[in-house]
Amino acid sequence: ESGGQTGHTYDISNKHRLGYSEVQLVQKMIDGVNTLWKEDKEILAGKLIPATPPKAMAAQTNGPFPEIKSKHSLVAKYVTKDIWEKLKGKQTRTSGFTLIQAIACAVEFDNQHC
């Protein structure tokens, strides 16, 4: 992590990482990998039934302005009705990614900071 910017590329830190040392963050990643490995072993042994993963939000365009549940998020602050009307029909050229997919965390959950 550079902590700075070069040209038009900016380094943005996730709010949940701020205030932790690199050692703490690496340990959190190691703990997560170990948890996944343990769960995978339990699934393979038939001791754990895997959860059905949630479906990703569809790549909708031109829909109505969504209810933003995370009221204190950056999405709630910056995705206004005017911005929504201007960008709701846009898709990325490479993967067809849409604005509704980009803001899904704040639309679907009420505790996000995205």
N, C-alpha and C. Protein backbone atom coordinates (compact mmCIF):
# COMPACT_ATOMS: atom_id res chain seq x y z
N GLU A 1 0.85 -1.17 0.00
CA GLU A 1 0.00 0.00 0.00
C GLU A 1 0.89 1.22 0.00
N SER A 2 0.68 2.07 -0.96
CA SER A 2 1.57 3.22 -1.11
C SER A 2 1.16 4.40 -0.24
N GLY A 3 -0.14 4.55 0.01
CA GLY A 3 -0.60 5.67 0.81
C GLY A 3 -0.67 6.97 0.04
N GLY A 4 -0.30 6.94 -1.22
CA GLY A 4 -0.32 8.17 -2.00
C GLY A 4 -0.99 7.98 -3.33
N GLN A 5 -0.71 8.89 -4.22
CA GLN A 5 -1.30 8.78 -5.54
C GLN A 5 -0.23 9.01 -6.59
N THR A 6 -0.46 8.48 -7.76
CA THR A 6 0.43 8.71 -8.88
C THR A 6 -0.43 9.02 -10.08
N GLY A 7 -0.29 10.19 -10.62
CA GLY A 7 -1.10 10.57 -11.78
C GLY A 7 -2.58 10.60 -11.44
N HIS A 8 -3.34 9.73 -12.08
CA HIS A 8 -4.78 9.69 -11.86
C HIS A 8 -5.21 8.45 -11.10
N THR A 9 -4.26 7.73 -10.52
CA THR A 9 -4.58 6.54 -9.73
C THR A 9 -4.43 6.88 -8.27
N TYR A 10 -5.47 6.63 -7.48
CA TYR A 10 -5.46 6.95 -6.07
C TYR A 10 -5.54 5.69 -5.24
N ASP A 11 -4.89 5.71 -4.11
CA ASP A 11 -4.93 4.60 -3.17
C ASP A 11 -6.00 4.92 -2.14
N ILE A 12 -7.03 4.10 -2.06
CA ILE A 12 -8.12 4.34 -1.13
C ILE A 12 -8.15 3.20 -0.12
N SER A 13 -8.02 3.51 1.15
CA SER A 13 -8.04 2.49 2.19
C SER A 13 -9.46 2.23 2.65
N ASN A 14 -9.76 0.98 2.85
CA ASN A 14 -11.04 0.58 3.40
C ASN A 14 -11.11 1.08 4.84
N LYS A 15 -12.24 1.63 5.24
CA LYS A 15 -12.40 2.19 6.59
C LYS A 15 -12.10 1.15 7.67
N HIS A 16 -12.38 -0.11 7.38
CA HIS A 16 -12.17 -1.16 8.37
C HIS A 16 -10.69 -1.50 8.57
N ARG A 17 -9.81 -0.99 7.71
CA ARG A 17 -8.38 -1.24 7.85
C ARG A 17 -7.67 -0.14 8.62
N LEU A 18 -8.27 1.02 8.69
CA LEU A 18 -7.61 2.16 9.31
C LEU A 18 -7.38 1.92 10.80
N GLY A 19 -6.20 2.25 11.28
CA GLY A 19 -5.90 2.12 12.70
C GLY A 19 -5.29 0.78 13.09
N TYR A 20 -5.11 -0.12 12.13
CA TYR A 20 -4.51 -1.42 12.42
C TYR A 20 -3.11 -1.47 11.82
N SER A 21 -2.22 -2.19 12.49
CA SER A 21 -0.87 -2.36 11.96
C SER A 21 -0.89 -3.39 10.85
N GLU A 22 0.18 -3.41 10.05
CA GLU A 22 0.29 -4.42 8.99
C GLU A 22 0.28 -5.83 9.59
N VAL A 23 0.90 -5.99 10.74
CA VAL A 23 0.93 -7.30 11.40
C VAL A 23 -0.48 -7.74 11.76
N GLN A 24 -1.27 -6.83 12.32
CA GLN A 24 -2.65 -7.17 12.68
C GLN A 24 -3.49 -7.52 11.44
N LEU A 25 -3.29 -6.78 10.36
CA LEU A 25 -4.05 -7.04 9.14
C LEU A 25 -3.65 -8.37 8.51
N VAL A 26 -2.36 -8.68 8.50
CA VAL A 26 -1.91 -9.96 7.97
C VAL A 26 -2.44 -11.09 8.84
N GLN A 27 -2.44 -10.92 10.16
CA GLN A 27 -2.96 -11.95 11.06
C GLN A 27 -4.45 -12.17 10.81
N LYS A 28 -5.18 -11.09 10.56
CA LYS A 28 -6.61 -11.21 10.26
C LYS A 28 -6.82 -12.02 8.97
N MET A 29 -5.97 -11.79 7.98
CA MET A 29 -6.06 -12.54 6.74
C MET A 29 -5.72 -14.02 6.98
N ILE A 30 -4.68 -14.28 7.75
CA ILE A 30 -4.30 -15.67 8.06
C ILE A 30 -5.44 -16.37 8.80
N ASP A 31 -6.04 -15.69 9.77
CA ASP A 31 -7.16 -16.27 10.51
C ASP A 31 -8.33 -16.58 9.58
N GLY A 32 -8.59 -15.69 8.64
CA GLY A 32 -9.67 -15.91 7.68
C GLY A 32 -9.41 -17.10 6.78
N VAL A 33 -8.17 -17.20 6.29
CA VAL A 33 -7.80 -18.35 5.44
C VAL A 33 -7.91 -19.64 6.23
N ASN A 34 -7.45 -19.63 7.47
CA ASN A 34 -7.55 -20.84 8.31
C ASN A 34 -9.00 -21.23 8.55
N THR A 35 -9.87 -20.26 8.74
CA THR A 35 -11.30 -20.55 8.93
C THR A 35 -11.88 -21.17 7.67
N LEU A 36 -11.55 -20.60 6.51
CA LEU A 36 -12.04 -21.16 5.26
C LEU A 36 -11.54 -22.59 5.05
N TRP A 37 -10.27 -22.83 5.37
CA TRP A 37 -9.66 -24.16 5.22
C TRP A 37 -10.37 -25.16 6.13
N LYS A 38 -10.62 -24.76 7.38
CA LYS A 38 -11.31 -25.63 8.33
C LYS A 38 -12.73 -25.95 7.85
N GLU A 39 -13.45 -24.94 7.39
CA GLU A 39 -14.80 -25.16 6.89
C GLU A 39 -14.80 -26.05 5.66
N ASP A 40 -13.82 -25.85 4.78
CA ASP A 40 -13.72 -26.68 3.58
C ASP A 40 -13.49 -28.15 3.95
N LYS A 41 -12.63 -28.39 4.93
CA LYS A 41 -12.40 -29.76 5.39
C LYS A 41 -13.67 -30.36 5.96
N GLU A 42 -14.44 -29.58 6.72
CA GLU A 42 -15.70 -30.06 7.31
C GLU A 42 -16.74 -30.36 6.24
N ILE A 43 -16.77 -29.54 5.19
CA ILE A 43 -17.70 -29.78 4.09
C ILE A 43 -17.33 -31.08 3.38
N LEU A 44 -16.04 -31.25 3.08
CA LEU A 44 -15.59 -32.46 2.40
C LEU A 44 -15.82 -33.72 3.23
N ALA A 45 -15.78 -33.58 4.55
CA ALA A 45 -16.01 -34.73 5.43
C ALA A 45 -17.50 -34.96 5.69
N GLY A 46 -18.35 -34.08 5.16
CA GLY A 46 -19.79 -34.22 5.36
C GLY A 46 -20.28 -33.72 6.70
N LYS A 47 -19.44 -33.01 7.43
CA LYS A 47 -19.82 -32.50 8.76
C LYS A 47 -20.49 -31.13 8.69
N LEU A 48 -20.39 -30.48 7.56
CA LEU A 48 -20.93 -29.13 7.41
C LEU A 48 -21.58 -29.01 6.05
N ILE A 49 -22.79 -28.50 6.01
CA ILE A 49 -23.49 -28.26 4.75
C ILE A 49 -23.19 -26.83 4.34
N PRO A 50 -22.63 -26.65 3.14
CA PRO A 50 -22.29 -25.28 2.73
C PRO A 50 -23.53 -24.42 2.56
N ALA A 51 -23.40 -23.18 2.94
CA ALA A 51 -24.49 -22.21 2.79
C ALA A 51 -24.65 -21.87 1.32
N THR A 52 -25.85 -21.59 0.92
CA THR A 52 -26.10 -21.14 -0.44
C THR A 52 -25.63 -19.70 -0.54
N PRO A 53 -24.69 -19.42 -1.44
CA PRO A 53 -24.19 -18.05 -1.53
C PRO A 53 -25.27 -17.11 -2.04
N PRO A 54 -25.23 -15.86 -1.57
CA PRO A 54 -26.22 -14.89 -2.06
C PRO A 54 -26.01 -14.61 -3.53
N LYS A 55 -27.09 -14.33 -4.24
CA LYS A 55 -26.97 -13.97 -5.65
C LYS A 55 -26.50 -12.54 -5.77
N ALA A 56 -25.63 -12.32 -6.72
CA ALA A 56 -25.18 -10.95 -6.99
C ALA A 56 -26.32 -10.15 -7.58
N MET A 57 -26.30 -8.87 -7.31
CA MET A 57 -27.33 -7.99 -7.86
C MET A 57 -27.22 -7.99 -9.38
N ALA A 58 -28.34 -8.08 -10.05
CA ALA A 58 -28.36 -8.11 -11.51
C ALA A 58 -27.85 -6.79 -12.08
N ALA A 59 -27.30 -6.88 -13.29
CA ALA A 59 -26.77 -5.71 -13.97
C ALA A 59 -27.90 -4.91 -14.60
N GLN A 60 -28.71 -4.28 -13.77
CA GLN A 60 -29.85 -3.50 -14.25
C GLN A 60 -29.40 -2.13 -14.73
N THR A 61 -30.12 -1.62 -15.68
CA THR A 61 -29.92 -0.22 -16.09
C THR A 61 -31.29 0.43 -16.19
N ASN A 62 -31.28 1.73 -16.01
CA ASN A 62 -32.48 2.55 -16.17
C ASN A 62 -33.60 2.26 -15.18
N GLY A 63 -33.28 1.68 -14.04
CA GLY A 63 -34.29 1.44 -13.01
C GLY A 63 -34.56 2.70 -12.21
N PRO A 64 -35.54 2.62 -11.31
CA PRO A 64 -35.84 3.79 -10.46
C PRO A 64 -34.73 4.02 -9.44
N PHE A 65 -34.69 5.22 -8.91
CA PHE A 65 -33.70 5.55 -7.87
C PHE A 65 -33.88 4.59 -6.70
N PRO A 66 -32.82 3.88 -6.31
CA PRO A 66 -32.95 2.85 -5.27
C PRO A 66 -33.04 3.44 -3.86
N GLU A 67 -33.62 2.67 -2.96
CA GLU A 67 -33.59 3.03 -1.55
C GLU A 67 -32.19 2.69 -1.03
N ILE A 68 -31.49 3.66 -0.52
CA ILE A 68 -30.15 3.44 0.01
C ILE A 68 -30.30 3.22 1.51
N LYS A 69 -30.09 1.97 1.94
CA LYS A 69 -30.32 1.60 3.34
C LYS A 69 -29.21 2.09 4.26
N SER A 70 -27.98 2.13 3.76
CA SER A 70 -26.86 2.60 4.58
C SER A 70 -26.81 4.12 4.51
N LYS A 71 -27.55 4.74 5.41
CA LYS A 71 -27.75 6.19 5.38
C LYS A 71 -26.49 7.01 5.62
N HIS A 72 -25.48 6.43 6.27
CA HIS A 72 -24.25 7.16 6.58
C HIS A 72 -23.10 6.77 5.66
N SER A 73 -23.41 6.13 4.55
CA SER A 73 -22.39 5.66 3.62
C SER A 73 -21.99 6.76 2.63
N LEU A 74 -20.88 6.52 1.94
CA LEU A 74 -20.47 7.42 0.88
C LEU A 74 -21.47 7.40 -0.27
N VAL A 75 -22.09 6.26 -0.49
CA VAL A 75 -23.12 6.15 -1.52
C VAL A 75 -24.27 7.09 -1.20
N ALA A 76 -24.74 7.06 0.05
CA ALA A 76 -25.85 7.94 0.44
C ALA A 76 -25.48 9.41 0.28
N LYS A 77 -24.23 9.71 0.52
CA LYS A 77 -23.77 11.10 0.43
C LYS A 77 -23.63 11.58 -1.02
N TYR A 78 -23.13 10.70 -1.90
CA TYR A 78 -22.77 11.15 -3.24
C TYR A 78 -23.66 10.67 -4.37
N VAL A 79 -24.40 9.60 -4.19
CA VAL A 79 -25.29 9.13 -5.26
C VAL A 79 -26.66 9.77 -5.05
N THR A 80 -26.80 10.95 -5.60
CA THR A 80 -28.04 11.70 -5.50
C THR A 80 -28.98 11.28 -6.63
N LYS A 81 -30.22 11.74 -6.57
CA LYS A 81 -31.16 11.43 -7.65
C LYS A 81 -30.65 11.98 -8.98
N ASP A 82 -30.04 13.16 -8.95
CA ASP A 82 -29.51 13.74 -10.19
C ASP A 82 -28.38 12.88 -10.76
N ILE A 83 -27.46 12.45 -9.90
CA ILE A 83 -26.36 11.58 -10.34
C ILE A 83 -26.92 10.27 -10.86
N TRP A 84 -27.90 9.70 -10.13
CA TRP A 84 -28.52 8.44 -10.56
C TRP A 84 -29.12 8.59 -11.97
N GLU A 85 -29.87 9.65 -12.19
CA GLU A 85 -30.51 9.85 -13.50
C GLU A 85 -29.47 9.98 -14.61
N LYS A 86 -28.35 10.59 -14.28
CA LYS A 86 -27.30 10.79 -15.29
C LYS A 86 -26.56 9.49 -15.61
N LEU A 87 -26.37 8.62 -14.63
CA LEU A 87 -25.51 7.45 -14.81
C LEU A 87 -26.22 6.10 -14.82
N LYS A 88 -27.50 6.04 -14.53
CA LYS A 88 -28.17 4.75 -14.35
C LYS A 88 -28.18 3.87 -15.60
N GLY A 89 -28.05 4.44 -16.76
CA GLY A 89 -28.07 3.65 -17.99
C GLY A 89 -26.69 3.24 -18.48
N LYS A 90 -25.66 3.63 -17.79
CA LYS A 90 -24.28 3.34 -18.22
C LYS A 90 -23.84 1.95 -17.80
N GLN A 91 -23.03 1.32 -18.62
CA GLN A 91 -22.39 0.04 -18.30
C GLN A 91 -20.94 0.13 -18.72
N THR A 92 -20.06 -0.57 -17.97
CA THR A 92 -18.66 -0.58 -18.38
C THR A 92 -18.52 -1.40 -19.66
N ARG A 93 -17.57 -1.04 -20.48
CA ARG A 93 -17.37 -1.73 -21.76
C ARG A 93 -16.87 -3.16 -21.57
N THR A 94 -16.03 -3.35 -20.58
CA THR A 94 -15.38 -4.66 -20.43
C THR A 94 -16.27 -5.73 -19.83
N SER A 95 -17.06 -5.39 -18.80
CA SER A 95 -17.83 -6.44 -18.12
C SER A 95 -19.32 -6.11 -17.97
N GLY A 96 -19.74 -4.97 -18.45
CA GLY A 96 -21.15 -4.61 -18.33
C GLY A 96 -21.56 -4.23 -16.92
N PHE A 97 -20.60 -3.83 -16.09
CA PHE A 97 -20.85 -3.44 -14.70
C PHE A 97 -21.67 -2.16 -14.67
N THR A 98 -22.66 -2.10 -13.79
CA THR A 98 -23.58 -0.96 -13.74
C THR A 98 -23.49 -0.24 -12.40
N LEU A 99 -24.10 0.93 -12.35
CA LEU A 99 -24.10 1.73 -11.13
C LEU A 99 -24.81 0.99 -9.99
N ILE A 100 -25.92 0.32 -10.28
CA ILE A 100 -26.63 -0.39 -9.21
C ILE A 100 -25.75 -1.48 -8.61
N GLN A 101 -24.92 -2.11 -9.43
CA GLN A 101 -23.99 -3.11 -8.89
C GLN A 101 -22.91 -2.45 -8.04
N ALA A 102 -22.45 -1.29 -8.47
CA ALA A 102 -21.39 -0.60 -7.74
C ALA A 102 -21.85 -0.14 -6.36
N ILE A 103 -23.13 0.18 -6.22
CA ILE A 103 -23.63 0.68 -4.94
C ILE A 103 -24.43 -0.37 -4.16
N ALA A 104 -24.38 -1.60 -4.61
CA ALA A 104 -25.20 -2.67 -4.03
C ALA A 104 -25.01 -2.81 -2.52
N CYS A 105 -23.79 -2.65 -2.02
CA CYS A 105 -23.56 -2.83 -0.58
C CYS A 105 -24.40 -1.86 0.24
N ALA A 106 -24.54 -0.63 -0.23
CA ALA A 106 -25.31 0.37 0.51
C ALA A 106 -26.81 0.26 0.27
N VAL A 107 -27.20 -0.38 -0.82
CA VAL A 107 -28.62 -0.56 -1.13
C VAL A 107 -29.17 -1.76 -0.38
N GLU A 108 -28.39 -2.82 -0.28
CA GLU A 108 -28.86 -4.07 0.32
C GLU A 108 -28.70 -4.13 1.83
N PHE A 109 -27.74 -3.40 2.39
CA PHE A 109 -27.47 -3.49 3.82
C PHE A 109 -27.51 -2.11 4.47
N ASP A 110 -27.87 -2.08 5.76
CA ASP A 110 -28.00 -0.78 6.43
C ASP A 110 -26.80 -0.41 7.29
N ASN A 111 -25.71 -1.16 7.19
CA ASN A 111 -24.57 -0.90 8.07
C ASN A 111 -23.26 -0.76 7.31
N GLN A 112 -23.31 -0.36 6.08
CA GLN A 112 -22.11 -0.28 5.25
C GLN A 112 -21.56 1.14 5.21
N HIS A 113 -20.27 1.25 4.96
CA HIS A 113 -19.60 2.55 4.88
C HIS A 113 -19.13 2.84 3.46
N CYS A 114 -19.54 1.99 2.51
CA CYS A 114 -19.06 2.10 1.12
C CYS A 114 -19.61 3.34 0.44
